[in-house]
Amino acid sequence: MTRGNQRETDRLKAQKKAAASKSKPKESNTTLAKRKETDAEALRAKQKKKEEEKATAAAAAAGGGG
């Protein structure tokens, strides 16, 4: 079997891919830090809600034994 011009087409494909990734705007440190902070805040809120649900369920189980 012969490969033909596969190596050349692969090289061109790789060049196009590199050019496309090069043109993407990078995220600055300030926006990255801001995004990390908002993500962390959302996670803390989620954890707090989960803990409140646990406490409510435990209170209901302790009080409902009657």
PDB file of N, CA and C in Angstrom:
ATOM      1  N   MET A   1       0.838  -1.191   0.000  1.00  0.00           N
ATOM      2  CA  MET A   1       0.000   0.000   0.000  1.00  0.00           C
ATOM      3  C   MET A   1       0.883   1.255   0.000  1.00  0.00           C
ATOM      4  N   THR A   2       0.419   2.252  -0.693  1.00  0.00           N
ATOM      5  CA  THR A   2       1.164   3.505  -0.717  1.00  0.00           C
ATOM      6  C   THR A   2       0.380   4.570   0.034  1.00  0.00           C
ATOM      7  N   ARG A   3       1.114   5.456   0.660  1.00  0.00           N
ATOM      8  CA  ARG A   3       0.473   6.507   1.454  1.00  0.00           C
ATOM      9  C   ARG A   3       0.099   7.708   0.604  1.00  0.00           C
ATOM     10  N   GLY A   4       0.676   7.833  -0.553  1.00  0.00           N
ATOM     11  CA  GLY A   4       0.350   8.977  -1.394  1.00  0.00           C
ATOM     12  C   GLY A   4       0.800  10.274  -0.747  1.00  0.00           C
ATOM     13  N   ASN A   5      -0.071  11.257  -0.742  1.00  0.00           N
ATOM     14  CA  ASN A   5       0.287  12.558  -0.185  1.00  0.00           C
ATOM     15  C   ASN A   5      -0.299  12.747   1.226  1.00  0.00           C
ATOM     16  N   GLN A   6      -0.512  11.655   1.942  1.00  0.00           N
ATOM     17  CA  GLN A   6      -1.124  11.741   3.271  1.00  0.00           C
ATOM     18  C   GLN A   6      -0.280  12.572   4.232  1.00  0.00           C
ATOM     19  N   ARG A   7       1.036  12.419   4.157  1.00  0.00           N
ATOM     20  CA  ARG A   7       1.915  13.177   5.050  1.00  0.00           C
ATOM     21  C   ARG A   7       1.756  14.678   4.807  1.00  0.00           C
ATOM     22  N   GLU A   8       1.673  15.055   3.535  1.00  0.00           N
ATOM     23  CA  GLU A   8       1.511  16.477   3.199  1.00  0.00           C
ATOM     24  C   GLU A   8       0.162  17.011   3.677  1.00  0.00           C
ATOM     25  N   THR A   9      -0.896  16.236   3.466  1.00  0.00           N
ATOM     26  CA  THR A   9      -2.223  16.696   3.910  1.00  0.00           C
ATOM     27  C   THR A   9      -2.289  16.778   5.429  1.00  0.00           C
ATOM     28  N   ASP A  10      -1.657  15.846   6.115  1.00  0.00           N
ATOM     29  CA  ASP A  10      -1.628  15.900   7.576  1.00  0.00           C
ATOM     30  C   ASP A  10      -0.872  17.122   8.070  1.00  0.00           C
ATOM     31  N   ARG A  11       0.202  17.467   7.391  1.00  0.00           N
ATOM     32  CA  ARG A  11       0.970  18.650   7.772  1.00  0.00           C
ATOM     33  C   ARG A  11       0.127  19.914   7.602  1.00  0.00           C
ATOM     34  N   LEU A  12      -0.600  20.004   6.490  1.00  0.00           N
ATOM     35  CA  LEU A  12      -1.465  21.163   6.263  1.00  0.00           C
ATOM     36  C   LEU A  12      -2.578  21.228   7.300  1.00  0.00           C
ATOM     37  N   LYS A  13      -3.138  20.086   7.632  1.00  0.00           N
ATOM     38  CA  LYS A  13      -4.197  20.024   8.636  1.00  0.00           C
ATOM     39  C   LYS A  13      -3.681  20.499   9.994  1.00  0.00           C
ATOM     40  N   ALA A  14      -2.459  20.075  10.341  1.00  0.00           N
ATOM     41  CA  ALA A  14      -1.853  20.480  11.605  1.00  0.00           C
ATOM     42  C   ALA A  14      -1.585  21.983  11.630  1.00  0.00           C
ATOM     43  N   GLN A  15      -1.175  22.544  10.507  1.00  0.00           N
ATOM     44  CA  GLN A  15      -0.939  23.990  10.428  1.00  0.00           C
ATOM     45  C   GLN A  15      -2.240  24.758  10.643  1.00  0.00           C
ATOM     46  N   LYS A  16      -3.324  24.303  10.024  1.00  0.00           N
ATOM     47  CA  LYS A  16      -4.616  24.966  10.193  1.00  0.00           C
ATOM     48  C   LYS A  16      -5.064  24.908  11.653  1.00  0.00           C
ATOM     49  N   LYS A  17      -4.879  23.749  12.272  1.00  0.00           N
ATOM     50  CA  LYS A  17      -5.274  23.576  13.670  1.00  0.00           C
ATOM     51  C   LYS A  17      -4.463  24.495  14.581  1.00  0.00           C
ATOM     52  N   ALA A  18      -3.166  24.597  14.330  1.00  0.00           N
ATOM     53  CA  ALA A  18      -2.300  25.460  15.136  1.00  0.00           C
ATOM     54  C   ALA A  18      -2.687  26.927  14.966  1.00  0.00           C
ATOM     55  N   ALA A  19      -3.027  27.313  13.748  1.00  0.00           N
ATOM     56  CA  ALA A  19      -3.424  28.696  13.494  1.00  0.00           C
ATOM     57  C   ALA A  19      -4.749  29.010  14.180  1.00  0.00           C
ATOM     58  N   ALA A  20      -5.656  28.065  14.201  1.00  0.00           N
ATOM     59  CA  ALA A  20      -6.952  28.286  14.837  1.00  0.00           C
ATOM     60  C   ALA A  20      -6.797  28.435  16.346  1.00  0.00           C
ATOM     61  N   SER A  21      -5.954  27.613  16.953  1.00  0.00           N
ATOM     62  CA  SER A  21      -5.776  27.699  18.400  1.00  0.00           C
ATOM     63  C   SER A  21      -4.982  28.943  18.786  1.00  0.00           C
ATOM     64  N   LYS A  22      -4.157  29.422  17.884  1.00  0.00           N
ATOM     65  CA  LYS A  22      -3.352  30.601  18.157  1.00  0.00           C
ATOM     66  C   LYS A  22      -4.214  31.859  18.191  1.00  0.00           C
ATOM     67  N   SER A  23      -5.282  31.883  17.425  1.00  0.00           N
ATOM     68  CA  SER A  23      -6.105  33.078  17.329  1.00  0.00           C
ATOM     69  C   SER A  23      -7.086  33.227  18.481  1.00  0.00           C
ATOM     70  N   LYS A  24      -7.258  32.184  19.284  1.00  0.00           N
ATOM     71  CA  LYS A  24      -8.182  32.264  20.413  1.00  0.00           C
ATOM     72  C   LYS A  24      -7.631  33.230  21.456  1.00  0.00           C
ATOM     73  N   PRO A  25      -8.480  34.092  21.986  1.00  0.00           N
ATOM     74  CA  PRO A  25      -7.995  35.022  23.014  1.00  0.00           C
ATOM     75  C   PRO A  25      -7.744  34.279  24.320  1.00  0.00           C
ATOM     76  N   LYS A  26      -6.624  34.571  24.936  1.00  0.00           N
ATOM     77  CA  LYS A  26      -6.310  33.941  26.209  1.00  0.00           C
ATOM     78  C   LYS A  26      -7.043  34.673  27.325  1.00  0.00           C
ATOM     79  N   GLU A  27      -7.324  33.938  28.385  1.00  0.00           N
ATOM     80  CA  GLU A  27      -7.998  34.509  29.529  1.00  0.00           C
ATOM     81  C   GLU A  27      -6.965  35.218  30.399  1.00  0.00           C
ATOM     82  N   SER A  28      -7.237  36.459  30.745  1.00  0.00           N
ATOM     83  CA  SER A  28      -6.279  37.199  31.553  1.00  0.00           C
ATOM     84  C   SER A  28      -6.316  36.706  32.996  1.00  0.00           C
ATOM     85  N   ASN A  29      -5.295  37.047  33.748  1.00  0.00           N
ATOM     86  CA  ASN A  29      -5.208  36.592  35.136  1.00  0.00           C
ATOM     87  C   ASN A  29      -6.343  37.147  35.988  1.00  0.00           C
ATOM     88  N   THR A  30      -6.765  38.370  35.705  1.00  0.00           N
ATOM     89  CA  THR A  30      -7.837  38.950  36.504  1.00  0.00           C
ATOM     90  C   THR A  30      -9.160  38.236  36.257  1.00  0.00           C
ATOM     91  N   THR A  31      -9.474  37.956  34.997  1.00  0.00           N
ATOM     92  CA  THR A  31     -10.732  37.266  34.717  1.00  0.00           C
ATOM     93  C   THR A  31     -10.673  35.822  35.203  1.00  0.00           C
ATOM     94  N   LEU A  32      -9.496  35.210  35.131  1.00  0.00           N
ATOM     95  CA  LEU A  32      -9.340  33.849  35.623  1.00  0.00           C
ATOM     96  C   LEU A  32      -9.573  33.806  37.133  1.00  0.00           C
ATOM     97  N   ALA A  33      -8.990  34.746  37.856  1.00  0.00           N
ATOM     98  CA  ALA A  33      -9.158  34.803  39.303  1.00  0.00           C
ATOM     99  C   ALA A  33     -10.611  35.080  39.669  1.00  0.00           C
ATOM    100  N   LYS A  34     -11.245  35.970  38.914  1.00  0.00           N
ATOM    101  CA  LYS A  34     -12.647  36.301  39.183  1.00  0.00           C
ATOM    102  C   LYS A  34     -13.534  35.074  38.957  1.00  0.00           C
ATOM    103  N   ARG A  35     -13.265  34.330  37.890  1.00  0.00           N
ATOM    104  CA  ARG A  35     -14.058  33.135  37.594  1.00  0.00           C
ATOM    105  C   ARG A  35     -13.847  32.071  38.663  1.00  0.00           C
ATOM    106  N   LYS A  36     -12.599  31.901  39.107  1.00  0.00           N
ATOM    107  CA  LYS A  36     -12.323  30.931  40.165  1.00  0.00           C
ATOM    108  C   LYS A  36     -13.060  31.295  41.446  1.00  0.00           C
ATOM    109  N   GLU A  37     -13.088  32.579  41.767  1.00  0.00           N
ATOM    110  CA  GLU A  37     -13.756  33.035  42.986  1.00  0.00           C
ATOM    111  C   GLU A  37     -15.263  32.794  42.911  1.00  0.00           C
ATOM    112  N   THR A  38     -15.865  33.097  41.779  1.00  0.00           N
ATOM    113  CA  THR A  38     -17.312  32.877  41.646  1.00  0.00           C
ATOM    114  C   THR A  38     -17.640  31.385  41.689  1.00  0.00           C
ATOM    115  N   ASP A  39     -16.793  30.565  41.092  1.00  0.00           N
ATOM    116  CA  ASP A  39     -17.001  29.115  41.143  1.00  0.00           C
ATOM    117  C   ASP A  39     -16.904  28.611  42.579  1.00  0.00           C
ATOM    118  N   ALA A  40     -15.922  29.109  43.311  1.00  0.00           N
ATOM    119  CA  ALA A  40     -15.740  28.693  44.699  1.00  0.00           C
ATOM    120  C   ALA A  40     -16.928  29.129  45.552  1.00  0.00           C
ATOM    121  N   GLU A  41     -17.421  30.337  45.302  1.00  0.00           N
ATOM    122  CA  GLU A  41     -18.569  30.842  46.055  1.00  0.00           C
ATOM    123  C   GLU A  41     -19.808  29.990  45.785  1.00  0.00           C
ATOM    124  N   ALA A  42     -20.015  29.611  44.545  1.00  0.00           N
ATOM    125  CA  ALA A  42     -21.154  28.764  44.196  1.00  0.00           C
ATOM    126  C   ALA A  42     -21.033  27.405  44.874  1.00  0.00           C
ATOM    127  N   LEU A  43     -19.827  26.869  44.937  1.00  0.00           N
ATOM    128  CA  LEU A  43     -19.609  25.583  45.586  1.00  0.00           C
ATOM    129  C   LEU A  43     -19.874  25.675  47.084  1.00  0.00           C
ATOM    130  N   ARG A  44     -19.440  26.774  47.713  1.00  0.00           N
ATOM    131  CA  ARG A  44     -19.690  26.955  49.147  1.00  0.00           C
ATOM    132  C   ARG A  44     -21.190  27.042  49.427  1.00  0.00           C
ATOM    133  N   ALA A  45     -21.919  27.746  48.575  1.00  0.00           N
ATOM    134  CA  ALA A  45     -23.366  27.864  48.756  1.00  0.00           C
ATOM    135  C   ALA A  45     -24.039  26.499  48.621  1.00  0.00           C
ATOM    136  N   LYS A  46     -23.569  25.724  47.673  1.00  0.00           N
ATOM    137  CA  LYS A  46     -24.121  24.384  47.460  1.00  0.00           C
ATOM    138  C   LYS A  46     -23.865  23.493  48.678  1.00  0.00           C
ATOM    139  N   GLN A  47     -22.639  23.575  49.227  1.00  0.00           N
ATOM    140  CA  GLN A  47     -22.306  22.785  50.407  1.00  0.00           C
ATOM    141  C   GLN A  47     -23.141  23.206  51.610  1.00  0.00           C
ATOM    142  N   LYS A  48     -23.354  24.503  51.774  1.00  0.00           N
ATOM    143  CA  LYS A  48     -24.147  25.007  52.890  1.00  0.00           C
ATOM    144  C   LYS A  48     -25.579  24.501  52.795  1.00  0.00           C
ATOM    145  N   LYS A  49     -26.136  24.525  51.602  1.00  0.00           N
ATOM    146  CA  LYS A  49     -27.501  24.044  51.397  1.00  0.00           C
ATOM    147  C   LYS A  49     -27.595  22.564  51.738  1.00  0.00           C
ATOM    148  N   LYS A  50     -26.590  21.779  51.331  1.00  0.00           N
ATOM    149  CA  LYS A  50     -26.575  20.344  51.598  1.00  0.00           C
ATOM    150  C   LYS A  50     -26.509  20.083  53.105  1.00  0.00           C
ATOM    151  N   GLU A  51     -25.697  20.856  53.823  1.00  0.00           N
ATOM    152  CA  GLU A  51     -25.580  20.698  55.274  1.00  0.00           C
ATOM    153  C   GLU A  51     -26.888  21.043  55.967  1.00  0.00           C
ATOM    154  N   GLU A  52     -27.577  22.089  55.500  1.00  0.00           N
ATOM    155  CA  GLU A  52     -28.862  22.467  56.074  1.00  0.00           C
ATOM    156  C   GLU A  52     -29.898  21.373  55.863  1.00  0.00           C
ATOM    157  N   GLU A  53     -29.876  20.755  54.688  1.00  0.00           N
ATOM    158  CA  GLU A  53     -30.809  19.655  54.423  1.00  0.00           C
ATOM    159  C   GLU A  53     -30.527  18.475  55.339  1.00  0.00           C
ATOM    160  N   LYS A  54     -29.245  18.182  55.587  1.00  0.00           N
ATOM    161  CA  LYS A  54     -28.872  17.099  56.487  1.00  0.00           C
ATOM    162  C   LYS A  54     -29.364  17.384  57.894  1.00  0.00           C
ATOM    163  N   ALA A  55     -29.170  18.623  58.344  1.00  0.00           N
ATOM    164  CA  ALA A  55     -29.577  19.001  59.700  1.00  0.00           C
ATOM    165  C   ALA A  55     -31.094  18.908  59.838  1.00  0.00           C
ATOM    166  N   THR A  56     -31.813  19.315  58.846  1.00  0.00           N
ATOM    167  CA  THR A  56     -33.272  19.251  58.867  1.00  0.00           C
ATOM    168  C   THR A  56     -33.733  17.794  58.923  1.00  0.00           C
ATOM    169  N   ALA A  57     -33.093  16.957  58.123  1.00  0.00           N
ATOM    170  CA  ALA A  57     -33.451  15.542  58.107  1.00  0.00           C
ATOM    171  C   ALA A  57     -33.123  14.887  59.437  1.00  0.00           C
ATOM    172  N   ALA A  58     -32.013  15.238  60.053  1.00  0.00           N
ATOM    173  CA  ALA A  58     -31.635  14.666  61.341  1.00  0.00           C
ATOM    174  C   ALA A  58     -32.591  15.126  62.433  1.00  0.00           C
ATOM    175  N   ALA A  59     -33.013  16.372  62.408  1.00  0.00           N
ATOM    176  CA  ALA A  59     -33.953  16.896  63.391  1.00  0.00           C
ATOM    177  C   ALA A  59     -35.304  16.216  63.253  1.00  0.00           C
ATOM    178  N   ALA A  60     -35.722  15.987  62.033  1.00  0.00           N
ATOM    179  CA  ALA A  60     -37.000  15.343  61.792  1.00  0.00           C
ATOM    180  C   ALA A  60     -36.956  13.887  62.260  1.00  0.00           C
ATOM    181  N   ALA A  61     -35.845  13.229  62.051  1.00  0.00           N
ATOM    182  CA  ALA A  61     -35.703  11.833  62.463  1.00  0.00           C
ATOM    183  C   ALA A  61     -35.652  11.726  63.985  1.00  0.00           C
ATOM    184  N   ALA A  62     -34.986  12.658  64.663  1.00  0.00           N
ATOM    185  CA  ALA A  62     -34.873  12.630  66.115  1.00  0.00           C
ATOM    186  C   ALA A  62     -36.208  12.982  66.767  1.00  0.00           C
ATOM    187  N   GLY A  63     -36.908  13.938  66.223  1.00  0.00           N
ATOM    188  CA  GLY A  63     -38.179  14.379  66.811  1.00  0.00           C
ATOM    189  C   GLY A  63     -39.355  13.491  66.437  1.00  0.00           C
ATOM    190  N   GLY A  64     -39.250  12.772  65.365  1.00  0.00           N
ATOM    191  CA  GLY A  64     -40.382  11.979  64.894  1.00  0.00           C
ATOM    192  C   GLY A  64     -40.506  10.614  65.546  1.00  0.00           C
ATOM    193  N   GLY A  65     -39.620  10.254  66.465  1.00  0.00           N
ATOM    194  CA  GLY A  65     -39.646   8.935  67.092  1.00  0.00           C
ATOM    195  C   GLY A  65     -40.819   8.740  68.045  1.00  0.00           C
ATOM    196  N   GLY A  66     -41.345   9.791  68.634  1.00  0.00           N
ATOM    197  CA  GLY A  66     -42.430   9.951  69.508  1.00  0.00           C
ATOM    198  C   GLY A  66     -42.988   9.014  70.375  1.00  0.00           C
TER     199      GLY A  66
END
